[in-house]
Protein backbone atom coordinates (compact mmCIF):
# COMPACT_ATOMS: atom_id res chain seq x y z
CA MET A 1 -0.01 -0.11 -0.07
CA CYS A 2 1.24 3.46 -0.68
CA LEU A 3 0.50 6.69 1.12
CA ALA A 4 0.29 10.14 -0.19
CA ILE A 5 0.43 13.15 2.18
CA PRO A 6 -1.28 16.52 1.40
CA GLY A 7 0.92 19.54 1.45
CA ARG A 8 0.50 23.28 0.34
CA ILE A 9 2.49 24.65 -2.45
CA VAL A 10 4.34 27.94 -1.10
CA SER A 11 6.53 28.65 -4.23
CA ILE A 12 7.21 27.17 -7.61
CA THR A 13 10.61 27.10 -9.84
CA GLY A 14 11.32 26.00 -13.40
CA ASP A 15 9.58 26.63 -16.82
CA GLN A 16 9.90 23.11 -18.39
CA PRO A 17 6.97 20.90 -17.65
CA MET A 18 9.26 17.98 -16.46
CA MET A 19 11.61 20.33 -14.35
CA ARG A 20 8.93 22.03 -12.42
CA PHE A 21 9.43 22.01 -8.80
CA GLY A 22 7.57 23.31 -5.81
CA GLN A 23 8.55 24.13 -2.27
CA VAL A 24 5.55 22.29 -0.41
CA ASP A 25 4.76 22.84 3.38
CA PHE A 26 3.70 19.84 5.26
CA GLY A 27 2.72 21.45 8.56
CA GLY A 28 5.85 23.43 9.05
CA VAL A 29 8.17 21.14 7.21
CA GLY A 30 9.17 22.34 3.64
CA LYS A 31 10.25 20.03 1.17
CA GLU A 32 11.12 20.56 -2.62
CA ILE A 33 8.53 18.38 -4.81
CA ASN A 34 8.49 17.65 -8.38
CA LEU A 35 5.22 18.95 -10.07
CA ALA A 36 5.57 17.39 -13.44
CA TYR A 37 2.38 15.36 -12.79
CA VAL A 38 0.56 18.39 -11.96
CA PRO A 39 1.07 21.23 -14.46
CA GLN A 40 -2.10 23.16 -13.34
CA ALA A 41 -0.86 23.45 -9.78
CA ALA A 42 -0.33 26.88 -8.60
CA VAL A 43 1.22 28.59 -5.42
CA GLY A 44 -1.40 28.15 -2.69
CA ASP A 45 -2.79 24.81 -4.29
CA TYR A 46 -2.90 21.65 -1.96
CA VAL A 47 -1.50 18.32 -3.65
CA LEU A 48 -1.06 14.80 -2.66
CA VAL A 49 2.60 14.16 -2.63
CA HIS A 50 4.18 10.39 -2.67
CA VAL A 51 7.93 9.92 -2.91
CA GLY A 52 8.75 13.39 -4.02
CA PHE A 53 6.12 13.58 -6.75
CA ALA A 54 2.96 15.56 -6.55
CA LEU A 55 0.18 13.16 -7.91
CA THR A 56 -2.91 15.28 -7.87
CA VAL A 57 -4.22 18.68 -6.91
CA ILE A 58 -7.02 18.67 -4.14
CA ASP A 59 -9.15 21.15 -2.36
CA ALA A 60 -8.30 22.62 0.92
CA ALA A 61 -11.14 21.05 2.80
CA GLU A 62 -10.10 17.52 1.44
CA ALA A 63 -6.53 18.13 2.54
CA LYS A 64 -7.42 19.36 5.95
CA GLN A 65 -9.71 16.18 6.49
CA ILE A 66 -6.77 13.98 5.32
CA LEU A 67 -4.53 15.68 7.85
CA ALA A 68 -7.03 15.28 10.65
CA ASP A 69 -7.39 11.67 9.83
CA LEU A 70 -3.60 11.16 10.02
CA GLU A 71 -3.52 12.93 13.15
CA ARG A 72 -6.36 10.66 14.69
CA ILE A 73 -4.49 7.70 13.50
CA ALA A 74 -1.24 8.99 15.32
CA VAL A 75 -3.00 9.49 18.45
CA LEU A 76 -4.86 6.26 18.57
CA THR A 77 -1.45 4.44 17.58
CA ALA A 78 0.51 6.22 20.45
CA ALA A 79 -2.29 5.19 22.83
CA GLY A 80 -1.94 1.54 21.65
CA ASP A 81 -5.39 1.44 20.04
CA THR A 82 -6.13 0.45 16.41
CA PRO A 83 -7.90 2.79 14.17
CA ALA A 84 -11.42 1.49 13.24
C-alpha cells in the first residue's frame, strides 16, 4: 500500500514541464517536490505527494480532512489502540 500526504505549495520554480518544482509545506516542514504530474498546480494549491512527486491537486477542505484523519491515527497508535 502507498501513502500520499497532502501539502500546500508555497513557491514554484522551473519553466519546463518535467523540471517544474515546488516548495511544499507539510505542517511546518518544507520539501522540494516535483510538479511534473500536476502542470495546473499553482502557489497556494494543496497537492497529494508520494515519494517526492505531487500526484494530484486537491481542495483545501479535503487536505484538512486527510491531515485530521492522519493525526487521529497517530493519536490512537500512540495510545496503543488500532484505528477503526
